[in-house]
Amino acid sequence: MTVIDLESEVLKLTPKDRARIAQKLLESLETLSKQEIESLWLDEAERRDRALDEDPSRAIPAAEVMREARARLS
């Protein structure tokens, strides 16, 4: 079974059962090693880099990002 197949099957479950599975999955992430976490962050950074290479118009100027972050913290 592929991840796509599994995802399709899980989405057929009731909201209560999906929530239970989501909770277990989130809890499983809390036990990752430092190396596993670093690997996941590297994968995410590479994914974002590819996305920006494919569509540079998605980029948000740093000044705008900082302004929005400050506004959320206020």
Protein backbone atom coordinates (compact mmCIF):
# COMPACT_ATOMS: atom_id res chain seq x y z
CA MET A 1 0.00 0.00 0.00
CA THR A 2 1.37 3.41 -0.95
CA VAL A 3 1.10 6.57 1.13
CA ILE A 4 -1.47 7.87 -1.35
CA ASP A 5 -3.55 4.69 -0.92
CA LEU A 6 -3.29 4.95 2.85
CA GLU A 7 -4.29 8.61 2.79
CA SER A 8 -7.29 7.80 0.63
CA GLU A 9 -8.43 5.08 3.04
CA VAL A 10 -7.93 7.22 6.14
CA LEU A 11 -9.99 10.04 4.63
CA LYS A 12 -12.92 7.63 4.37
CA LEU A 13 -13.00 7.26 8.17
CA THR A 14 -15.30 9.19 10.47
CA PRO A 15 -14.04 12.54 11.73
CA LYS A 16 -13.60 11.03 15.20
CA ASP A 17 -11.42 8.21 13.89
CA ARG A 18 -9.40 10.58 11.67
CA ALA A 19 -8.80 12.82 14.69
CA ARG A 20 -7.60 9.84 16.73
CA ILE A 21 -5.16 8.84 14.00
CA ALA A 22 -3.99 12.44 13.60
CA GLN A 23 -3.34 12.64 17.34
CA LYS A 24 -1.27 9.46 17.28
CA LEU A 25 0.71 10.67 14.28
CA LEU A 26 1.44 14.01 15.95
CA GLU A 27 2.52 12.25 19.14
CA SER A 28 4.88 10.06 17.11
CA LEU A 29 6.65 13.17 15.84
CA GLU A 30 7.48 14.22 19.39
CA THR A 31 9.86 11.29 19.76
CA LEU A 32 12.01 12.03 16.71
CA SER A 33 15.76 12.22 17.21
CA LYS A 34 17.66 15.44 16.60
CA GLN A 35 19.06 13.90 13.41
CA GLU A 36 15.57 12.99 12.16
CA ILE A 37 14.29 16.50 12.88
CA GLU A 38 17.24 18.07 11.06
CA SER A 39 16.63 15.78 8.08
CA LEU A 40 12.96 16.77 7.95
CA TRP A 41 13.84 20.47 8.08
CA LEU A 42 16.40 20.00 5.29
CA ASP A 43 13.78 18.22 3.16
CA GLU A 44 11.34 21.08 3.79
CA ALA A 45 13.93 23.74 2.91
CA GLU A 46 14.76 21.93 -0.33
CA ARG A 47 11.05 21.61 -1.18
CA ARG A 48 10.52 25.33 -0.63
CA ASP A 49 13.61 26.17 -2.68
CA ARG A 50 12.32 24.08 -5.59
CA ALA A 51 8.90 25.73 -5.33
CA LEU A 52 10.46 29.19 -5.54
CA ASP A 53 12.65 28.13 -8.47
CA GLU A 54 9.54 26.90 -10.29
CA ASP A 55 7.48 30.02 -9.54
CA PRO A 56 9.48 33.05 -8.30
CA SER A 57 6.28 35.12 -8.17
CA ARG A 58 5.39 33.23 -4.96
CA ALA A 59 8.24 34.93 -3.10
CA ILE A 60 7.30 37.46 -0.43
CA PRO A 61 9.68 40.34 0.28
CA ALA A 62 11.48 40.02 3.62
CA ALA A 63 10.22 43.42 4.79
CA GLU A 64 6.64 42.28 4.30
CA VAL A 65 7.26 39.01 6.14
CA MET A 66 8.84 40.84 9.09
CA ARG A 67 6.02 43.43 9.18
CA GLU A 68 3.41 40.66 9.31
CA ALA A 69 5.35 38.71 11.96
CA ARG A 70 5.65 41.81 14.16
CA ALA A 71 1.95 42.53 13.74
CA ARG A 72 1.08 39.02 14.87
CA LEU A 73 3.28 39.34 17.95
CA SER A 74 1.73 42.63 19.00
